[in-house]
């Protein structure tokens, strides 16, 4: 059973039984629930509702896309159809179109058999917990009321938004296109055969960058696991060295996660994407930052160095955004390579990340490896334990909290245990049937050892 319903949307594998997987029936059901919630929320006074819909290049994308779009039409909602797009592009389009919401059809970093409906509000931001719960309740009750034949919605196709999004990024005050052009960068791009393979090269070319494309055909056949982690990126690491490129750029299928490869073929570190971009932004516009509690301490260190204030939120983009607004953070995001820059919009955006990073690199006039070496050294170990229905995760987390009660502990999102020089964060995934175990320490060996120790302790508690 892989159908995962959460406040941020519905995610599952294609095929199988209704209610167990993301079948056509489930796609229609949850599109109906979202459309019904929009009508209940914004549809008073016979207002004509509008929703922006875009998808990544997954093989199942066109099927899910047609089901979702036509379900909204059946509810009397007009659809601005972006076709092949990215998550941040849809987020940008919602307010520009004065739309009432948006749906991105993508399972983000999950493998090709997965797809999902990611749901946005009228600001182009992810729904909060209360809104998500209402949609889940509507879906459960199947409380849908479809429109009659004279009140059906319309489809308005608009394939210009990737270009509009690029223009929005290039017009940001801290993006210096002339400086990047003068640096004459050569960059290898791994677009994992999704929409990033279209939009990232186009952005780079407009910034005067020489682009070497790797897996940039948007056909949905992911050539490697699409999560941008070191173990999946051997090809681009080798090609960066072979091409004598200044760096490599990797995005996930919906272009909201961003990783860099240094000129020596080594990972810059997904955690350090946000650290480097924040360093540049804070150097020009001092202020506060936010990331989630599974993210590196390095952002805190860099923020403090710029006399700003850093705070950690619960995991999940909606939680990061909420705390960013509360703290007036000028930049934030997640340690998985997600950059949230409010000057553009409140959503993780790899285009914004690329443009700001290249500007920073050009102005620093140093290699990517030298830039990485200029930041505090922390190393992470990211692990997971597959869950079976018999495992009581909450009991495990309670037991671990009790075991380490004399340490600095946060339980706002799973359990985070802060030791003097290292930390571990344990939490149930919102998107997969697993417990995530993230550790960080000044040395990789220390992070790995802490992770192994914690995993052994969890297995002992669970009896596995």
Protein backbone atom coordinates (compact mmCIF):
# COMPACT_ATOMS: atom_id res chain seq x y z
CA UNK A 1 0.00 0.00 0.00
CA UNK A 2 1.78 3.14 -1.20
CA UNK A 3 -0.95 5.81 -1.26
CA UNK A 4 0.24 8.50 1.15
CA UNK A 5 -2.25 11.22 2.05
CA UNK A 6 -0.84 14.26 3.81
CA UNK A 7 -1.66 17.93 4.26
CA UNK A 8 0.60 18.79 1.32
CA UNK A 9 -1.22 16.52 -1.12
CA UNK A 10 -1.52 12.90 -2.18
CA UNK A 11 1.35 10.72 -3.38
CA UNK A 12 1.54 7.12 -4.53
CA UNK A 13 2.72 4.61 -7.08
CA UNK A 14 0.87 4.24 -10.37
CA UNK A 15 -1.36 1.20 -10.87
CA UNK A 16 -2.86 -1.31 -8.46
CA UNK A 17 -6.02 -1.14 -6.38
CA UNK A 18 -8.11 1.95 -5.69
CA UNK A 19 -7.27 3.40 -2.29
CA UNK A 20 -3.97 1.54 -2.10
CA UNK A 21 -2.10 3.28 -4.90
CA UNK A 22 -2.39 6.42 -7.01
CA UNK A 23 -4.95 5.05 -9.45
CA UNK A 24 -6.98 7.17 -11.90
CA UNK A 25 -9.90 6.95 -9.45
CA UNK A 26 -7.76 8.31 -6.60
CA UNK A 27 -6.44 11.15 -8.79
CA UNK A 28 -10.01 12.17 -9.66
CA UNK A 29 -11.13 11.83 -6.04
CA UNK A 30 -8.45 14.10 -4.63
CA UNK A 31 -8.67 16.62 -7.49
CA UNK A 32 -12.41 16.72 -6.74
CA UNK A 33 -11.74 17.27 -3.03
CA UNK A 34 -9.30 20.11 -3.75
CA UNK A 35 -11.68 21.74 -6.25
CA UNK A 36 -14.56 21.41 -3.79
CA UNK A 37 -12.46 23.01 -1.03
CA UNK A 38 -11.63 25.90 -3.39
CA UNK A 39 -15.32 26.39 -4.17
CA UNK A 40 -16.18 26.33 -0.46
CA UNK A 41 -13.37 28.77 0.34
CA UNK A 42 -13.24 31.20 -2.58
CA UNK A 43 -16.28 30.41 -4.68
CA UNK A 44 -18.86 32.61 -2.99
CA UNK A 45 -20.85 35.16 -5.04
CA UNK A 46 -20.70 32.87 -8.10
CA UNK A 47 -17.06 33.82 -8.64
CA UNK A 48 -15.37 32.05 -11.55
CA UNK A 49 -12.55 30.07 -10.00
CA UNK A 50 -9.18 29.58 -11.69
CA UNK A 51 -6.46 26.97 -10.98
CA UNK A 52 -2.97 26.76 -12.48
CA UNK A 53 -1.87 23.19 -13.31
CA UNK A 54 1.60 22.03 -14.38
CA UNK A 55 3.47 18.72 -14.37
CA UNK A 56 6.98 17.34 -14.46
CA UNK A 57 8.10 14.91 -17.20
CA UNK A 58 7.10 11.66 -15.48
CA UNK A 59 5.81 8.92 -17.77
CA UNK A 60 2.48 8.93 -15.90
CA UNK A 61 2.30 12.74 -16.07
CA UNK A 62 0.03 13.16 -19.11
CA UNK A 63 -2.46 10.58 -17.77
CA UNK A 64 -2.69 12.14 -14.29
CA UNK A 65 -2.68 15.61 -15.85
CA UNK A 66 -5.69 14.86 -18.07
CA UNK A 67 -7.62 13.31 -15.17
CA UNK A 68 -6.96 16.26 -12.85
CA UNK A 69 -7.61 19.00 -15.40
CA UNK A 70 -10.89 17.48 -16.57
CA UNK A 71 -12.04 16.88 -13.01
CA UNK A 72 -11.58 20.59 -12.27
CA UNK A 73 -13.46 21.44 -15.48
CA UNK A 74 -16.28 19.20 -14.25
CA UNK A 75 -16.45 21.25 -11.06
CA UNK A 76 -16.87 24.45 -13.08
CA UNK A 77 -13.29 25.63 -12.44
CA UNK A 78 -11.20 27.20 -15.21
CA UNK A 79 -7.72 25.74 -15.65
CA UNK A 80 -4.59 27.62 -16.71
CA UNK A 81 -2.73 24.65 -18.20
CA UNK A 82 1.05 25.14 -18.19
CA UNK A 83 1.73 21.62 -19.48
CA UNK A 84 5.34 20.60 -18.83
CA UNK A 85 6.53 22.82 -16.01
CA UNK A 86 8.27 22.95 -12.63
CA UNK A 87 7.03 23.31 -9.07
CA UNK A 88 8.42 26.85 -8.63
CA UNK A 89 7.10 27.88 -12.06
CA UNK A 90 3.55 26.93 -11.05
CA UNK A 91 4.06 28.75 -7.73
CA UNK A 92 5.13 31.91 -9.60
CA UNK A 93 2.23 31.61 -12.06
CA UNK A 94 -0.58 31.43 -9.48
CA UNK A 95 -0.40 35.07 -8.27
CA UNK A 96 0.55 36.38 -11.73
CA UNK A 97 -2.64 34.81 -13.09
CA UNK A 98 -4.69 35.97 -10.06
CA UNK A 99 -5.62 32.30 -9.73
CA UNK A 100 -7.32 30.75 -6.70
CA UNK A 101 -4.89 27.86 -6.41
CA UNK A 102 -2.48 25.58 -8.17
CA UNK A 103 -1.68 21.90 -8.59
CA UNK A 104 1.75 20.52 -9.47
CA UNK A 105 1.71 16.93 -10.68
CA UNK A 106 5.03 15.57 -9.48
CA UNK A 107 6.39 13.14 -6.92
CA UNK A 108 9.45 15.36 -6.62
CA UNK A 109 12.54 13.22 -5.87
CA UNK A 110 10.67 9.88 -5.78
CA UNK A 111 11.42 7.26 -8.49
CA UNK A 112 9.52 7.07 -11.78
CA UNK A 113 6.72 4.75 -10.58
CA UNK A 114 5.51 7.50 -8.22
CA UNK A 115 3.40 10.55 -8.91
CA UNK A 116 1.56 13.06 -6.76
CA UNK A 117 -0.77 16.03 -6.56
CA UNK A 118 0.94 18.92 -4.73
CA UNK A 119 -1.60 21.57 -3.77
CA UNK A 120 -1.20 25.36 -3.58
CA UNK A 121 -3.28 28.22 -2.21
CA UNK A 122 -4.07 31.51 -3.96
CA UNK A 123 -0.62 32.90 -3.10
CA UNK A 124 1.10 30.00 -4.87
CA UNK A 125 2.21 28.57 -1.52
CA UNK A 126 1.63 25.10 -0.06
CA UNK A 127 -1.50 24.62 2.01
CA UNK A 128 -1.29 24.73 5.79
CA UNK A 129 -2.33 21.87 8.06
CA UNK A 130 -5.89 23.06 8.62
CA UNK A 131 -6.54 23.48 4.89
CA UNK A 132 -4.99 20.11 4.10
CA UNK A 133 -7.12 18.36 6.72
CA UNK A 134 -10.28 19.90 5.25
CA UNK A 135 -9.40 18.53 1.80
CA UNK A 136 -8.69 15.06 3.22
CA UNK A 137 -12.08 15.14 5.00
CA UNK A 138 -13.90 16.16 1.79
CA UNK A 139 -12.16 13.31 -0.07
CA UNK A 140 -13.07 10.81 2.64
CA UNK A 141 -16.74 11.86 2.59
CA UNK A 142 -16.75 12.19 -1.23
CA UNK A 143 -18.71 15.40 -0.69
CA UNK A 144 -18.48 16.57 -4.29
CA UNK A 145 -21.07 18.55 -6.27
CA UNK A 146 -20.21 18.79 -9.97
CA UNK A 147 -21.36 21.50 -12.36
CA UNK A 148 -24.12 21.22 -14.93
CA UNK A 149 -23.37 21.29 -18.65
CA UNK A 150 -23.75 25.07 -18.96
CA UNK A 151 -21.35 25.77 -16.09
CA UNK A 152 -18.33 23.64 -16.96
CA UNK A 153 -14.89 25.22 -16.67
CA UNK A 154 -12.56 26.07 -19.54
CA UNK A 155 -8.96 25.11 -20.31
CA UNK A 156 -6.62 27.99 -21.13
CA UNK A 157 -3.29 26.64 -22.35
CA UNK A 158 -0.23 28.77 -21.58
CA UNK A 159 3.22 27.37 -22.30
CA UNK A 160 5.02 30.70 -21.75
CA UNK A 161 5.51 30.42 -18.00
CA UNK A 162 8.92 28.77 -18.00
CA UNK A 163 10.19 31.82 -19.91
CA UNK A 164 8.25 34.20 -17.63
CA UNK A 165 9.76 32.48 -14.60
CA UNK A 166 13.29 32.82 -16.03
CA UNK A 167 12.68 36.55 -16.65
CA UNK A 168 11.45 36.99 -13.05
CA UNK A 169 14.68 35.40 -11.76
CA UNK A 170 17.00 37.40 -14.02
CA UNK A 171 15.29 40.63 -12.89
CA UNK A 172 16.04 40.03 -9.18
CA UNK A 173 18.19 42.86 -7.79
CA UNK A 174 20.88 40.51 -6.42
CA UNK A 175 21.25 38.55 -9.67
CA UNK A 176 24.12 40.11 -11.66
CA UNK A 177 23.93 38.73 -15.18
CA UNK A 178 26.83 40.89 -16.41
CA UNK A 179 29.15 39.55 -13.68
CA UNK A 180 28.22 35.97 -14.58
CA UNK A 181 28.73 36.61 -18.29
CA UNK A 182 32.16 38.10 -17.59
CA UNK A 183 33.16 34.99 -15.61
CA UNK A 184 32.68 32.81 -18.73
CA UNK A 185 31.52 29.78 -16.75
CA UNK A 186 31.25 26.31 -18.27
CA UNK A 187 28.61 24.21 -16.49
CA UNK A 188 27.39 20.61 -16.80
CA UNK A 189 23.64 20.21 -16.12
CA UNK A 190 21.97 16.94 -15.07
CA UNK A 191 18.23 17.45 -15.61
CA UNK A 192 17.34 13.82 -14.75
CA UNK A 193 15.32 13.75 -18.03
CA UNK A 194 12.62 15.98 -16.60
CA UNK A 195 11.61 19.64 -16.91
CA UNK A 196 14.83 20.86 -15.26
CA UNK A 197 16.62 19.69 -18.40
CA UNK A 198 14.69 22.36 -20.31
CA UNK A 199 14.51 25.31 -17.93
CA UNK A 200 17.96 25.26 -16.28
CA UNK A 201 19.99 25.25 -19.55
CA UNK A 202 17.77 28.05 -20.89
CA UNK A 203 18.40 30.15 -17.76
CA UNK A 204 22.14 29.51 -17.95
CA UNK A 205 22.40 30.39 -21.62
CA UNK A 206 20.69 33.72 -20.95
CA UNK A 207 23.36 34.34 -18.29
CA UNK A 208 26.13 33.75 -20.83
CA UNK A 209 27.10 30.32 -19.49
CA UNK A 210 28.45 27.54 -21.73
CA UNK A 211 26.17 24.56 -21.02
CA UNK A 212 27.00 20.86 -21.32
CA UNK A 213 23.75 18.89 -21.13
CA UNK A 214 23.50 15.52 -19.40
CA UNK A 215 20.11 13.76 -19.18
CA UNK A 216 18.20 16.85 -20.30
CA UNK A 217 15.57 15.12 -22.51
CA UNK A 218 12.21 15.57 -20.72
CA UNK A 219 10.97 12.02 -21.41
CA UNK A 220 10.46 10.85 -17.80
CA UNK A 221 12.94 7.99 -18.08
CA UNK A 222 15.07 8.88 -15.08
CA UNK A 223 18.61 7.62 -15.80
CA UNK A 224 19.38 7.31 -12.09
CA UNK A 225 17.51 7.63 -8.81
CA UNK A 226 16.21 11.22 -9.06
CA UNK A 227 17.10 12.23 -5.50
CA UNK A 228 20.23 14.38 -5.95
CA UNK A 229 22.51 12.48 -3.56
CA UNK A 230 26.18 11.61 -4.11
CA UNK A 231 25.56 7.90 -4.69
CA UNK A 232 23.27 8.71 -7.65
CA UNK A 233 25.50 11.28 -9.37
CA UNK A 234 28.59 9.39 -10.53
CA UNK A 235 28.00 10.33 -14.21
CA UNK A 236 27.90 14.09 -13.74
CA UNK A 237 30.83 14.03 -11.27
CA UNK A 238 32.94 12.34 -13.95
CA UNK A 239 31.70 14.57 -16.77
CA UNK A 240 32.48 17.81 -14.89
CA UNK A 241 36.15 16.74 -14.68
CA UNK A 242 36.21 15.39 -18.24
CA UNK A 243 34.75 18.62 -19.65
CA UNK A 244 37.01 20.80 -17.45
CA UNK A 245 33.83 22.57 -16.34
CA UNK A 246 33.72 25.12 -13.53
CA UNK A 247 30.88 23.23 -11.87
CA UNK A 248 27.97 20.85 -12.28
CA UNK A 249 24.31 21.57 -11.51
CA UNK A 250 21.82 18.87 -10.55
CA UNK A 251 18.09 19.32 -9.99
CA UNK A 252 15.34 16.89 -9.09
CA UNK A 253 12.40 16.18 -11.48
CA UNK A 254 10.29 19.19 -10.40
CA UNK A 255 13.24 21.59 -9.93
CA UNK A 256 12.82 22.56 -6.28
CA UNK A 257 16.00 20.79 -5.07
CA UNK A 258 19.44 21.90 -6.16
CA UNK A 259 22.90 20.37 -5.78
CA UNK A 260 26.27 21.52 -7.11
CA UNK A 261 29.35 19.57 -8.16
CA UNK A 262 32.76 21.23 -7.68
CA UNK A 263 35.25 21.51 -10.54
CA UNK A 264 37.17 18.52 -9.11
CA UNK A 265 34.13 16.24 -9.45
CA UNK A 266 33.36 16.30 -5.72
CA UNK A 267 29.95 17.11 -4.28
CA UNK A 268 29.65 20.70 -3.03
CA UNK A 269 27.18 19.23 -0.56
CA UNK A 270 23.42 19.56 -0.88
CA UNK A 271 23.35 21.08 2.60
CA UNK A 272 25.74 23.80 1.46
CA UNK A 273 23.57 24.98 -1.46
CA UNK A 274 21.52 27.09 0.96
CA UNK A 275 24.60 28.03 3.04
CA UNK A 276 26.43 29.51 0.03
CA UNK A 277 23.39 31.33 -1.38
CA UNK A 278 22.51 32.68 2.08
CA UNK A 279 26.10 33.90 2.53
CA UNK A 280 25.78 35.98 -0.65
CA UNK A 281 22.30 37.32 0.15
CA UNK A 282 23.26 38.20 3.75
CA UNK A 283 26.42 39.99 2.55
CA UNK A 284 24.22 42.33 0.47
CA UNK A 285 21.07 42.48 2.61
CA UNK A 286 21.69 41.55 6.28
CA UNK A 287 18.85 39.81 8.08
CA UNK A 288 17.49 36.59 9.54
CA UNK A 289 17.42 33.03 8.19
CA UNK A 290 15.38 29.87 8.72
CA UNK A 291 15.90 26.24 7.78
CA UNK A 292 14.37 23.04 9.05
CA UNK A 293 15.80 21.12 11.97
CA UNK A 294 17.21 18.39 9.70
CA UNK A 295 19.47 20.99 8.06
CA UNK A 296 23.12 21.78 8.71
CA UNK A 297 24.39 23.95 11.57
CA UNK A 298 26.50 25.72 8.94
CA UNK A 299 23.59 28.07 8.07
CA UNK A 300 23.40 29.13 11.71
CA UNK A 301 27.17 29.83 11.72
CA UNK A 302 27.04 31.87 8.48
CA UNK A 303 23.99 33.82 9.68
CA UNK A 304 25.71 34.65 12.98
CA UNK A 305 28.80 35.78 11.06
CA UNK A 306 26.57 38.33 9.26
CA UNK A 307 25.02 39.41 12.61
CA UNK A 308 21.68 37.86 11.76
CA UNK A 309 19.42 35.55 13.73
CA UNK A 310 18.86 31.88 12.78
CA UNK A 311 15.93 29.65 13.77
CA UNK A 312 15.00 26.07 12.88
CA UNK A 313 11.46 25.00 11.96
CA UNK A 314 9.75 21.64 11.75
CA UNK A 315 10.49 19.76 8.52
CA UNK A 316 8.26 20.63 5.57
CA UNK A 317 8.22 23.64 3.28
CA UNK A 318 5.01 25.03 4.77
CA UNK A 319 6.64 25.06 8.24
CA UNK A 320 9.81 26.76 6.97
CA UNK A 321 7.74 29.43 5.18
CA UNK A 322 5.56 30.04 8.25
CA UNK A 323 8.63 30.64 10.46
CA UNK A 324 10.31 32.75 7.76
CA UNK A 325 7.30 35.07 7.69
CA UNK A 326 7.17 35.22 11.50
CA UNK A 327 10.90 36.08 11.75
CA UNK A 328 11.03 38.30 8.65
CA UNK A 329 13.73 36.01 7.27
CA UNK A 330 15.28 37.30 4.06
CA UNK A 331 16.34 33.83 2.94
CA UNK A 332 15.65 30.30 4.10
CA UNK A 333 14.95 26.82 2.90
CA UNK A 334 15.83 23.23 3.52
CA UNK A 335 19.14 21.40 3.70
CA UNK A 336 18.06 19.19 0.79
CA UNK A 337 19.05 21.97 -1.61
CA UNK A 338 15.81 23.93 -1.37
CA UNK A 339 16.25 27.74 -1.62
CA UNK A 340 13.37 29.99 -0.50
CA UNK A 341 13.98 33.64 -1.36
CA UNK A 342 10.95 35.84 -0.54
CA UNK A 343 12.11 38.59 -2.94
CA UNK A 344 11.00 36.10 -5.62
CA UNK A 345 8.35 33.99 -3.87
CA UNK A 346 7.80 31.79 -0.81
CA UNK A 347 8.69 28.47 -2.40
CA UNK A 348 11.81 26.34 -3.01
CA UNK A 349 13.20 27.43 -6.35
CA UNK A 350 16.29 25.99 -8.06
CA UNK A 351 16.34 28.76 -10.69
CA UNK A 352 16.69 31.39 -7.97
CA UNK A 353 19.36 29.23 -6.33
CA UNK A 354 21.37 28.83 -9.56
CA UNK A 355 21.25 32.54 -10.45
CA UNK A 356 22.27 33.71 -6.95
CA UNK A 357 24.99 31.05 -6.60
CA UNK A 358 26.59 31.90 -9.96
CA UNK A 359 26.48 35.62 -9.09
CA UNK A 360 28.17 34.84 -5.75
CA UNK A 361 30.81 32.68 -7.45
CA UNK A 362 31.51 35.33 -10.11
CA UNK A 363 31.94 38.09 -7.53
CA UNK A 364 34.14 35.91 -5.29
CA UNK A 365 36.30 35.02 -8.31
CA UNK A 366 37.24 31.65 -6.82
CA UNK A 367 36.70 27.99 -7.66
CA UNK A 368 33.68 26.10 -6.34
CA UNK A 369 35.92 23.89 -4.19
CA UNK A 370 37.58 26.96 -2.67
CA UNK A 371 34.17 28.49 -1.94
CA UNK A 372 33.10 25.28 -0.22
CA UNK A 373 36.30 25.24 1.84
CA UNK A 374 35.51 28.76 3.10
CA UNK A 375 32.47 27.51 5.05
CA UNK A 376 32.34 25.74 8.43
CA UNK A 377 32.98 22.00 8.04
CA UNK A 378 30.10 19.74 8.99
CA UNK A 379 29.30 16.31 7.61
CA UNK A 380 25.92 14.62 7.52
CA UNK A 381 24.78 11.04 7.41
CA UNK A 382 21.27 10.53 6.05
CA UNK A 383 19.75 7.15 6.77
CA UNK A 384 16.33 5.53 6.95
CA UNK A 385 14.65 2.48 8.39
CA UNK A 386 11.82 0.92 6.35
CA UNK A 387 8.62 0.66 8.37
CA UNK A 388 6.30 -2.32 8.65
CA UNK A 389 2.76 -1.98 10.05
CA UNK A 390 3.91 -3.78 13.21
CA UNK A 391 6.42 -1.08 14.18
CA UNK A 392 5.10 1.52 16.66
CA UNK A 393 7.09 4.56 15.60
CA UNK A 394 5.66 6.86 18.26
CA UNK A 395 6.69 4.43 21.00
CA UNK A 396 10.22 4.34 19.57
CA UNK A 397 10.44 8.14 19.58
CA UNK A 398 9.16 8.30 23.18
CA UNK A 399 11.75 5.72 24.24
CA UNK A 400 14.58 7.63 22.53
CA UNK A 401 13.44 10.88 24.17
CA UNK A 402 13.53 9.21 27.57
CA UNK A 403 16.95 7.65 26.89
CA UNK A 404 18.50 11.03 26.06
CA UNK A 405 16.43 13.23 28.37
CA UNK A 406 19.56 14.88 29.80
CA UNK A 407 20.59 16.24 26.37
CA UNK A 408 19.18 19.27 24.52
CA UNK A 409 16.03 17.77 22.97
CA UNK A 410 13.34 19.18 20.65
CA UNK A 411 10.13 17.26 19.97
CA UNK A 412 8.35 19.77 17.71
CA UNK A 413 8.98 17.42 14.78
CA UNK A 414 9.95 13.89 15.72
CA UNK A 415 12.92 13.95 18.10
CA UNK A 416 16.06 16.05 17.63
CA UNK A 417 18.88 15.43 20.09
CA UNK A 418 21.56 18.16 20.14
CA UNK A 419 24.86 17.04 21.60
CA UNK A 420 27.75 19.50 22.11
CA UNK A 421 29.41 18.88 18.72
CA UNK A 422 26.89 16.75 16.83
CA UNK A 423 23.18 16.10 16.52
CA UNK A 424 20.67 13.45 15.43
CA UNK A 425 17.14 14.00 14.13
CA UNK A 426 14.61 11.15 14.05
CA UNK A 427 11.27 11.58 12.32
CA UNK A 428 8.58 9.78 10.38
CA UNK A 429 8.63 10.74 6.72
CA UNK A 430 5.57 12.59 5.40
CA UNK A 431 6.06 11.08 1.96
CA UNK A 432 7.34 7.51 2.42
CA UNK A 433 6.76 4.63 4.92
CA UNK A 434 10.12 5.14 6.68
CA UNK A 435 11.83 6.67 9.72
CA UNK A 436 14.48 9.17 8.66
CA UNK A 437 17.65 9.33 10.76
CA UNK A 438 19.82 12.38 10.05
CA UNK A 439 23.06 13.03 11.91
CA UNK A 440 25.68 15.77 11.64
CA UNK A 441 29.17 16.10 13.11
CA UNK A 442 32.52 17.83 12.36
CA UNK A 443 33.82 14.62 10.71
CA UNK A 444 32.05 12.19 8.36
CA UNK A 445 33.25 9.25 10.44
CA UNK A 446 31.64 10.79 13.53
CA UNK A 447 28.33 11.42 11.74
CA UNK A 448 28.30 7.84 10.39
CA UNK A 449 29.18 6.36 13.77
CA UNK A 450 26.43 8.33 15.52
CA UNK A 451 23.91 7.21 12.90
CA UNK A 452 24.89 3.53 13.28
CA UNK A 453 24.65 3.77 17.05
CA UNK A 454 21.18 5.35 16.91
CA UNK A 455 19.96 2.82 14.31
CA UNK A 456 21.12 -0.06 16.54
CA UNK A 457 19.33 1.51 19.52
CA UNK A 458 16.10 1.91 17.50
CA UNK A 459 16.28 -1.67 16.25
CA UNK A 460 16.78 -2.90 19.82
CA UNK A 461 13.73 -0.94 21.01
CA UNK A 462 11.62 -2.17 18.05
CA UNK A 463 12.87 -5.75 18.34
CA UNK A 464 14.06 -5.92 14.72
